[in-house]
N, C-alpha and C. Protein backbone atom coordinates (compact mmCIF):
# COMPACT_ATOMS: atom_id res chain seq x y z
N GLY A 1 100.51 83.49 65.81
CA GLY A 1 98.99 83.03 65.92
C GLY A 1 98.97 83.87 66.89
N ARG A 2 97.43 83.28 67.92
CA ARG A 2 96.28 84.23 68.63
C ARG A 2 97.33 83.86 70.00
N TYR A 3 98.18 83.04 70.56
CA TYR A 3 98.83 83.12 71.44
C TYR A 3 100.35 84.52 71.33
N VAL A 4 100.72 84.90 70.24
CA VAL A 4 101.73 85.81 69.83
C VAL A 4 101.01 86.99 69.92
N GLU A 5 99.74 87.36 69.48
CA GLU A 5 98.87 88.73 69.52
C GLU A 5 98.75 88.76 70.68
N ALA A 6 98.10 88.01 71.39
CA ALA A 6 98.01 88.05 72.67
C ALA A 6 98.90 88.22 73.87
N ARG A 7 99.94 87.91 73.79
CA ARG A 7 101.33 88.46 74.45
C ARG A 7 101.78 90.04 73.82
N MET A 8 101.63 90.11 72.91
CA MET A 8 102.15 91.75 72.34
C MET A 8 100.94 92.81 72.89
N LEU A 9 99.22 91.81 72.79
CA LEU A 9 98.67 93.29 73.42
C LEU A 9 99.26 93.32 74.96
N TRP A 10 99.05 92.52 75.58
CA TRP A 10 99.30 92.32 77.42
C TRP A 10 100.72 92.87 76.97
N GLY A 11 101.63 92.86 76.50
CA GLY A 11 102.95 93.64 76.30
C GLY A 11 103.00 95.06 75.93
N ASP A 12 101.79 95.82 75.21
CA ASP A 12 101.11 96.93 75.41
C ASP A 12 100.51 97.53 76.41
N LEU A 13 99.63 96.58 77.42
CA LEU A 13 99.27 96.88 78.59
C LEU A 13 100.13 97.70 79.61
N VAL A 14 101.24 96.90 79.58
CA VAL A 14 102.00 96.65 80.64
C VAL A 14 102.66 98.24 80.15
N ASN A 15 103.48 98.20 78.89
CA ASN A 15 103.92 99.26 78.48
C ASN A 15 103.40 100.54 79.11
N VAL A 16 101.96 100.56 78.88
CA VAL A 16 100.89 101.94 78.45
C VAL A 16 101.20 102.58 80.23
N SER A 17 100.94 101.01 80.89
CA SER A 17 100.56 101.38 82.37
C SER A 17 102.07 101.82 83.15
N ARG A 18 103.02 101.90 82.73
CA ARG A 18 104.45 102.08 83.07
C ARG A 18 104.34 103.48 82.44
N ASP A 19 103.72 103.89 81.12
CA ASP A 19 104.14 105.20 80.52
C ASP A 19 103.14 105.95 81.63
N LEU A 20 102.09 105.57 81.38
CA LEU A 20 100.87 106.52 82.31
C LEU A 20 101.24 106.80 83.92
N ALA A 21 101.46 105.55 84.58
CA ALA A 21 101.93 106.09 86.09
C ALA A 21 103.41 106.97 85.90
N SER A 22 104.18 106.62 85.14
CA SER A 22 104.93 107.75 84.90
C SER A 22 104.56 109.34 84.24
N ARG A 23 103.91 109.26 83.77
CA ARG A 23 103.26 110.52 83.56
C ARG A 23 102.61 111.31 84.67
N VAL A 24 101.63 110.28 85.59
CA VAL A 24 100.66 111.02 86.55
C VAL A 24 101.82 111.08 87.46
N LEU A 25 102.84 110.37 87.93
CA LEU A 25 103.72 111.31 88.81
C LEU A 25 104.52 112.67 88.27
N HIS A 26 104.53 112.48 87.51
CA HIS A 26 105.66 113.72 86.40
C HIS A 26 104.69 115.11 86.73
N THR A 27 102.97 114.36 85.98
CA THR A 27 102.40 115.87 85.89
C THR A 27 101.84 116.24 87.37
N LEU A 28 101.41 115.48 88.07
CA LEU A 28 100.41 115.59 88.80
C LEU A 28 101.65 115.88 90.51
N LYS A 29 101.90 116.82 90.50
CA LYS A 29 102.83 117.54 91.69
C LYS A 29 101.80 117.97 93.24
N PRO A 30 102.85 116.77 94.07
CA PRO A 30 101.77 117.00 95.21
C PRO A 30 102.36 117.76 95.86
N THR A 31 101.39 119.25 95.66
CA THR A 31 101.46 120.75 96.35
C THR A 31 100.56 120.46 97.28
N THR A 32 99.38 120.34 97.16
CA THR A 32 98.30 120.42 98.01
C THR A 32 97.83 118.73 98.72
N ALA A 33 97.11 118.99 99.89
CA ALA A 33 96.94 117.11 100.18
C ALA A 33 95.86 116.76 99.41
N VAL A 34 94.90 117.71 98.72
CA VAL A 34 94.18 117.16 97.80
C VAL A 34 94.76 116.36 96.21
N ASP A 35 96.14 117.32 95.96
CA ASP A 35 96.93 116.41 94.86
C ASP A 35 97.25 115.42 95.48
N CYS A 36 97.99 115.20 96.57
CA CYS A 36 98.61 113.99 96.76
C CYS A 36 97.65 112.72 96.93
N ALA A 37 95.83 113.08 97.29
CA ALA A 37 95.60 112.02 97.14
C ALA A 37 94.93 111.76 95.51
N GLU A 38 94.97 112.76 95.02
CA GLU A 38 94.40 112.19 93.41
C GLU A 38 95.62 111.72 92.72
N ARG A 39 96.72 111.89 92.93
CA ARG A 39 98.00 111.63 92.43
C ARG A 39 98.38 109.88 92.91
N GLU A 40 98.00 109.65 94.53
CA GLU A 40 97.94 108.23 94.52
C GLU A 40 96.61 107.56 94.21
N ARG A 41 95.87 108.24 94.10
CA ARG A 41 94.29 107.54 93.76
C ARG A 41 94.30 107.26 92.06
N ALA A 42 95.28 107.73 91.31
CA ALA A 42 95.41 107.67 89.88
C ALA A 42 96.39 106.56 89.74
N VAL A 43 97.62 106.75 90.49
CA VAL A 43 98.78 105.45 90.54
C VAL A 43 97.88 104.06 90.87
N ARG A 44 97.20 104.30 92.01
CA ARG A 44 96.02 102.93 92.31
C ARG A 44 95.75 102.74 91.12
N LEU A 45 94.80 103.61 90.51
CA LEU A 45 94.13 102.86 89.28
C LEU A 45 95.05 102.33 87.84
N VAL A 46 95.51 103.09 88.13
CA VAL A 46 96.85 102.59 86.73
C VAL A 46 97.03 100.65 87.19
N ARG A 47 97.52 100.75 88.80
CA ARG A 47 97.44 99.17 88.94
C ARG A 47 96.74 98.29 88.76
N THR A 48 95.28 98.80 89.36
CA THR A 48 93.90 98.34 89.09
C THR A 48 93.90 97.68 87.41
N PHE A 49 93.90 98.66 86.51
CA PHE A 49 93.57 98.26 85.37
C PHE A 49 94.24 96.94 85.07
N PRO A 50 95.19 96.27 84.79
CA PRO A 50 95.64 95.22 84.19
C PRO A 50 94.71 94.20 84.96
N ARG A 51 94.71 94.18 86.33
CA ARG A 51 94.38 93.05 86.97
C ARG A 51 92.68 92.96 86.50
N THR A 52 91.56 94.16 86.52
CA THR A 52 90.59 94.02 85.76
C THR A 52 90.28 93.50 84.63
N VAL A 53 91.55 93.70 83.56
CA VAL A 53 91.25 93.30 82.47
C VAL A 53 91.82 91.55 82.33
N LYS A 54 92.48 91.28 83.49
CA LYS A 54 92.50 90.11 83.49
C LYS A 54 91.40 89.11 83.97
N TYR A 55 90.78 89.70 84.99
CA TYR A 55 89.47 88.80 85.15
C TYR A 55 88.46 88.74 83.84
N HIS A 56 88.54 90.36 83.52
CA HIS A 56 87.61 90.16 82.10
C HIS A 56 87.44 89.61 81.26
N LEU A 57 88.67 89.21 80.97
CA LEU A 57 89.13 88.25 79.60
C LEU A 57 88.93 86.55 79.89
N SER A 58 89.04 86.13 80.95
CA SER A 58 88.74 85.21 81.32
C SER A 58 88.07 84.35 82.29
N VAL A 59 87.95 83.34 81.88
CA VAL A 59 86.90 82.41 83.00
C VAL A 59 87.39 82.20 84.23
N ASP A 60 88.17 82.20 84.35
CA ASP A 60 88.87 82.17 86.00
C ASP A 60 89.55 83.39 86.28
N GLY A 61 90.18 84.30 86.04
CA GLY A 61 91.25 84.99 85.91
C GLY A 61 92.30 84.88 86.18
N PHE A 62 92.55 83.45 85.65
CA PHE A 62 93.91 83.18 85.31
C PHE A 62 94.67 83.16 87.32
N ASN A 63 93.84 82.56 87.96
CA ASN A 63 93.96 82.82 89.11
C ASN A 63 93.55 80.94 89.38
N GLU A 64 94.41 80.37 89.89
CA GLU A 64 94.27 79.08 90.28
C GLU A 64 93.53 78.91 91.52
N ASP A 65 93.21 79.43 92.35
CA ASP A 65 92.23 79.52 93.46
C ASP A 65 90.51 79.59 92.86
N VAL A 66 90.82 80.02 91.89
CA VAL A 66 89.17 79.92 91.30
C VAL A 66 88.89 78.20 90.25
N ASP A 67 88.10 77.33 91.20
CA ASP A 67 88.63 76.26 90.67
C ASP A 67 86.59 76.51 89.70
N ILE A 68 86.78 75.95 88.32
CA ILE A 68 85.40 76.17 87.78
C ILE A 68 84.84 74.96 87.38
N ARG A 69 85.31 73.73 87.87
CA ARG A 69 84.80 72.26 87.55
C ARG A 69 83.67 72.26 88.51
N GLY A 70 82.61 71.89 87.51
CA GLY A 70 81.52 71.77 88.18
C GLY A 70 80.70 72.76 88.78
N CYS A 71 81.04 73.75 88.23
CA CYS A 71 80.03 75.15 89.44
C CYS A 71 79.41 75.71 88.45
N SER A 72 78.45 76.40 89.00
CA SER A 72 77.43 77.50 88.07
C SER A 72 77.79 78.53 87.79
N ASP A 73 77.60 78.90 87.09
CA ASP A 73 78.46 80.05 86.31
C ASP A 73 78.03 81.27 87.63
N ALA A 74 77.01 81.68 88.15
CA ALA A 74 77.27 82.21 89.56
C ALA A 74 78.31 81.84 90.40
N ASP A 75 78.51 80.78 90.73
CA ASP A 75 79.54 80.59 91.65
C ASP A 75 80.65 80.82 91.13
N VAL A 76 81.24 80.74 89.61
CA VAL A 76 82.94 81.19 89.20
C VAL A 76 82.55 82.33 89.37
N LEU A 77 81.68 83.34 89.12
CA LEU A 77 81.45 84.65 89.45
C LEU A 77 81.82 85.30 90.50
N GLY A 78 81.20 84.78 91.44
CA GLY A 78 81.52 84.85 92.82
C GLY A 78 82.61 84.55 93.38
N ALA A 79 83.56 83.55 93.07
CA ALA A 79 84.87 83.12 93.13
C ALA A 79 85.55 84.34 92.55
N LYS A 80 85.43 84.88 91.02
CA LYS A 80 86.29 85.60 90.54
C LYS A 80 86.34 87.02 91.24
N ASP A 81 84.95 87.32 91.99
CA ASP A 81 85.00 88.57 91.83
C ASP A 81 85.84 88.75 93.77
N ALA A 82 85.79 87.49 94.29
CA ALA A 82 86.48 87.24 95.71
C ALA A 82 87.76 87.58 95.60
N ARG A 83 88.36 86.61 94.39
CA ARG A 83 89.67 87.22 93.96
C ARG A 83 90.44 88.24 93.54
N LEU A 84 89.72 88.87 92.69
CA LEU A 84 89.58 89.82 92.18
C LEU A 84 89.76 90.90 93.30
N ARG A 85 88.67 91.20 94.76
CA ARG A 85 89.04 91.67 95.84
C ARG A 85 90.12 91.49 96.55
N ASP A 86 90.35 90.07 96.76
CA ASP A 86 92.05 90.13 97.40
C ASP A 86 93.12 90.88 96.80
N GLU A 87 93.37 90.77 95.28
CA GLU A 87 94.13 91.12 94.65
C GLU A 87 93.93 92.66 94.81
N LEU A 88 92.84 93.25 95.05
CA LEU A 88 92.82 94.50 94.90
C LEU A 88 93.22 95.21 96.64
N ALA A 89 93.13 94.60 97.40
CA ALA A 89 93.63 94.75 98.83
C ALA A 89 95.08 95.07 98.99
N VAL A 90 95.54 94.58 98.28
CA VAL A 90 97.23 94.75 97.93
C VAL A 90 97.28 96.20 97.22
N ILE A 91 96.81 96.80 96.67
CA ILE A 91 97.01 97.95 96.24
C ILE A 91 96.08 99.03 96.58
N TRP A 92 94.89 98.54 97.00
CA TRP A 92 94.01 99.62 97.67
C TRP A 92 94.23 99.28 99.65
N THR A 93 93.93 100.30 100.26
CA THR A 93 93.76 99.48 101.94
C THR A 93 92.69 99.03 101.97
N GLU A 94 92.83 98.01 103.04
CA GLU A 94 91.91 96.98 103.48
C GLU A 94 90.63 97.37 103.62
N GLU A 95 90.48 98.69 104.11
CA GLU A 95 88.93 99.09 104.00
C GLU A 95 88.87 99.51 102.96
N GLU A 96 89.30 100.31 102.00
CA GLU A 96 89.14 100.59 100.80
C GLU A 96 88.59 99.27 99.75
N ALA A 97 89.55 98.02 100.08
CA ALA A 97 88.96 96.46 99.98
C ALA A 97 88.06 95.80 100.00
N TYR A 98 87.71 95.80 101.48
CA TYR A 98 86.87 94.97 101.94
C TYR A 98 86.06 95.98 102.94
N GLY A 99 85.95 97.29 103.03
CA GLY A 99 85.13 97.77 103.66
C GLY A 99 85.30 98.01 105.06
N PRO A 100 84.74 99.23 105.46
CA PRO A 100 85.02 99.26 107.34
C PRO A 100 84.67 97.65 107.92
N ALA A 101 85.83 97.78 109.17
CA ALA A 101 85.77 96.42 109.73
C ALA A 101 84.33 97.14 110.65
N GLY A 102 83.98 95.90 110.67
CA GLY A 102 82.44 95.61 111.74
C GLY A 102 81.17 95.83 111.04
N ALA A 103 81.59 96.87 109.83
CA ALA A 103 80.33 97.49 109.41
C ALA A 103 80.29 97.02 107.87
N PRO A 104 78.51 96.45 107.49
CA PRO A 104 78.47 95.99 106.31
C PRO A 104 78.82 96.75 105.09
N PRO A 105 79.43 96.69 103.68
CA PRO A 105 80.10 97.84 102.87
C PRO A 105 78.97 98.37 102.59
N GLY A 106 79.77 99.77 102.68
CA GLY A 106 78.89 101.20 102.17
C GLY A 106 77.91 101.77 103.36
N ALA A 107 78.11 101.22 104.80
CA ALA A 107 77.10 101.42 105.86
C ALA A 107 77.43 102.77 106.09
N GLU A 108 78.14 103.66 105.99
CA GLU A 108 78.98 104.78 106.54
C GLU A 108 78.59 105.66 105.46
N GLY A 109 78.71 105.35 103.73
CA GLY A 109 78.43 106.04 102.53
C GLY A 109 79.90 105.90 101.86
N PRO A 110 80.07 105.98 100.77
CA PRO A 110 81.04 106.04 100.19
C PRO A 110 81.75 107.03 100.19
N LYS A 111 83.19 106.90 101.10
CA LYS A 111 84.19 108.35 101.06
C LYS A 111 84.70 108.35 99.55
N PRO A 112 85.89 109.23 99.53
CA PRO A 112 86.42 108.99 98.10
C PRO A 112 86.67 107.55 98.09
N ASP A 113 87.77 106.90 98.43
CA ASP A 113 88.20 105.71 98.09
C ASP A 113 87.71 104.88 98.94
N THR A 114 86.89 104.98 100.62
CA THR A 114 86.53 103.67 100.78
C THR A 114 85.55 103.12 100.21
N ASN A 115 85.63 101.73 100.28
CA ASN A 115 84.92 100.29 99.42
C ASN A 115 84.98 100.71 98.18
N PHE A 116 86.35 100.88 97.80
CA PHE A 116 86.65 101.13 96.40
C PHE A 116 85.68 99.76 95.74
N ALA A 117 86.55 98.82 95.90
CA ALA A 117 85.96 97.14 95.52
C ALA A 117 84.37 96.94 95.37
N ASP A 118 84.03 97.72 96.63
CA ASP A 118 82.13 97.16 96.34
C ASP A 118 82.11 98.23 95.19
N ARG A 119 82.38 99.31 94.81
CA ARG A 119 82.03 100.23 93.84
C ARG A 119 82.40 99.45 92.33
N LEU A 120 83.53 98.86 92.15
CA LEU A 120 83.76 98.60 90.96
C LEU A 120 82.89 97.32 90.64
N LEU A 121 82.59 96.36 91.75
CA LEU A 121 82.32 95.00 92.10
C LEU A 121 80.88 95.21 91.68
N ARG A 122 80.38 96.24 91.79
CA ARG A 122 78.74 96.29 91.59
C ARG A 122 78.14 95.78 90.70
N GLU A 123 77.00 94.92 90.29
CA GLU A 123 76.57 94.24 89.51
C GLU A 123 76.35 94.99 87.87
N GLU A 124 75.57 96.30 88.24
CA GLU A 124 75.76 97.16 87.32
C GLU A 124 77.02 97.97 86.58
N VAL A 125 78.05 97.60 86.75
CA VAL A 125 79.34 97.56 86.03
C VAL A 125 79.38 96.45 85.26
N ARG A 126 79.28 97.12 84.15
CA ARG A 126 79.60 95.24 83.00
C ARG A 126 81.17 95.27 82.47
N SER A 127 81.72 96.58 82.35
CA SER A 127 83.04 96.48 81.93
C SER A 127 84.00 97.35 83.14
N ARG A 128 84.48 96.62 84.24
CA ARG A 128 85.51 96.91 85.20
C ARG A 128 86.45 97.25 84.38
N PRO A 129 87.38 97.30 83.39
CA PRO A 129 88.36 98.01 82.81
C PRO A 129 87.69 99.35 82.46
N LEU A 130 86.78 99.10 81.73
CA LEU A 130 86.22 100.47 81.37
C LEU A 130 85.36 101.23 82.40
N TRP A 131 85.23 101.03 83.53
CA TRP A 131 84.81 101.65 84.54
C TRP A 131 86.21 102.58 85.52
N VAL A 132 87.47 101.54 85.41
CA VAL A 132 88.49 102.02 85.86
C VAL A 132 89.28 103.37 85.24
N ILE A 133 88.77 103.02 83.64
CA ILE A 133 89.54 103.97 82.57
C ILE A 133 88.27 105.40 82.58
N GLN A 134 87.20 105.13 82.71
CA GLN A 134 86.74 106.37 83.35
C GLN A 134 86.87 106.79 84.88
N GLU A 135 87.23 106.46 85.82
CA GLU A 135 87.34 106.89 86.94
C GLU A 135 88.79 107.56 86.92
N LEU A 136 90.19 106.99 85.82
CA LEU A 136 91.52 107.49 85.75
C LEU A 136 90.60 108.92 84.76
N GLY A 137 90.15 109.19 84.09
CA GLY A 137 89.59 110.25 83.54
C GLY A 137 88.92 111.45 84.41
N GLU A 138 87.94 111.03 85.18
CA GLU A 138 87.91 112.03 86.26
C GLU A 138 88.93 112.25 87.11
N VAL A 139 90.05 111.60 87.35
CA VAL A 139 91.09 112.02 87.97
C VAL A 139 91.96 113.18 87.27
N VAL A 140 91.92 113.13 86.34
CA VAL A 140 92.30 114.01 85.26
C VAL A 140 91.50 115.42 85.35
N SER A 141 90.37 115.12 85.36
CA SER A 141 89.17 116.13 85.44
C SER A 141 89.45 117.08 86.01
N ARG A 142 89.38 116.46 87.36
CA ARG A 142 89.17 117.28 88.79
C ARG A 142 90.81 118.06 88.51
N ALA A 143 91.91 117.21 88.21
CA ALA A 143 93.29 117.93 88.34
C ALA A 143 92.89 119.40 87.27
N ARG A 144 92.66 119.10 85.99
CA ARG A 144 92.56 120.28 85.37
C ARG A 144 91.79 121.37 85.91
N ALA A 145 90.18 121.19 86.53
CA ALA A 145 89.71 122.11 86.94
C ALA A 145 89.95 122.86 88.50
N ARG A 146 91.13 121.98 89.20
CA ARG A 146 91.75 122.67 90.09
C ARG A 146 92.81 123.42 89.97
N GLY A 147 93.35 123.11 88.59
CA GLY A 147 94.34 124.09 88.08
C GLY A 147 95.91 123.25 88.29
N SER A 148 95.97 121.85 88.89
CA SER A 148 97.20 120.82 88.73
C SER A 148 97.64 120.88 87.79
N ALA A 149 96.79 120.37 86.75
CA ALA A 149 97.23 120.17 85.44
C ALA A 149 96.67 121.17 84.83
N GLY A 150 97.70 121.76 83.73
CA GLY A 150 97.33 122.04 82.55
C GLY A 150 96.84 121.90 81.65
N PRO A 151 96.28 122.52 80.62
CA PRO A 151 95.52 122.14 79.11
C PRO A 151 96.44 121.02 78.67
N VAL A 152 97.77 121.01 78.66
CA VAL A 152 98.78 120.62 77.86
C VAL A 152 98.95 119.23 78.71
N GLU A 153 99.17 119.35 79.83
CA GLU A 153 99.43 118.14 80.92
C GLU A 153 97.81 117.32 80.60
N ALA A 154 97.47 117.52 80.95
CA ALA A 154 95.80 117.17 81.29
C ALA A 154 95.51 116.32 79.55
N SER A 155 95.84 116.54 78.64
CA SER A 155 95.46 116.42 77.23
C SER A 155 96.85 115.51 77.03
N ILE A 156 98.07 115.27 77.77
CA ILE A 156 98.81 114.21 77.49
C ILE A 156 98.00 112.80 77.85
N LEU A 157 97.99 113.31 79.61
CA LEU A 157 97.31 112.12 80.11
C LEU A 157 96.05 111.65 79.49
N ASP A 158 95.10 112.36 78.77
CA ASP A 158 93.94 111.78 78.53
C ASP A 158 94.58 110.80 77.26
N ASN A 159 95.54 111.69 76.57
CA ASN A 159 95.58 110.49 75.36
C ASN A 159 96.31 108.75 76.09
N ARG A 160 96.98 109.25 76.75
CA ARG A 160 97.93 107.76 77.63
C ARG A 160 96.39 106.78 77.91
N ILE A 161 95.39 107.90 79.10
CA ILE A 161 94.12 106.94 79.09
C ILE A 161 93.61 106.15 77.93
N LEU A 162 93.54 107.17 76.64
CA LEU A 162 93.17 106.78 75.57
C LEU A 162 93.81 105.96 74.91
N ALA A 163 94.69 105.24 75.14
CA ALA A 163 95.87 103.99 74.70
C ALA A 163 95.16 102.80 75.61
N TYR A 164 95.13 103.17 76.81
CA TYR A 164 94.35 102.11 77.90
C TYR A 164 93.11 101.81 76.77
N ASN A 165 92.53 102.34 76.82
CA ASN A 165 90.91 102.10 75.51
C ASN A 165 91.54 101.29 74.34
N ASN A 166 92.20 101.63 73.74
CA ASN A 166 92.84 101.23 72.56
C ASN A 166 92.77 99.92 72.75
N VAL A 167 94.07 99.66 73.81
CA VAL A 167 94.51 98.07 74.20
C VAL A 167 93.54 97.01 74.41
N LEU A 168 92.46 97.84 75.30
CA LEU A 168 91.58 96.92 75.73
C LEU A 168 90.43 96.67 74.43
N GLY A 169 90.08 97.64 73.34
CA GLY A 169 89.76 97.36 72.26
C GLY A 169 90.19 96.16 71.49
N ALA A 170 91.01 96.15 71.38
CA ALA A 170 91.92 95.29 70.36
C ALA A 170 91.92 93.64 71.54
N MET A 171 91.72 93.84 72.49
CA MET A 171 91.81 92.25 73.29
C MET A 171 90.37 91.49 73.06
């Protein structure tokens, strides 16, 4: 039934994530500081994607710390955002997840990864998993433009990112 189908789709998501991370590490060689940073960013985005899907598909993000009983929709969304931010802090640096210490989020303007969670959790981002897919595509596009990934390698990465889209569309 639906449970079995959901388990199969989640398994596909895990397999695509592993494959994409492996291909990123193989394809984007750490030859320059920019390449190293982009490679790390791509792997972090791959690690972020399943978490955004989890919170996108469920009322409480399958997080026991989100209590939905008797809460308004706004309160539930706020609690989900807070828990997702906590999960992102495991992947991204604390500053990237929570913003610069002592400064309001975005006070210094966005740096490449600073305030990643703030950008992901903006109200205008309607589908966080799609936003992560778009960010991954931009990493590949920049690698292609720098010559860090040739056309064949970039195409392979693009196809694996497309697999994320396909899994998301089936969920």
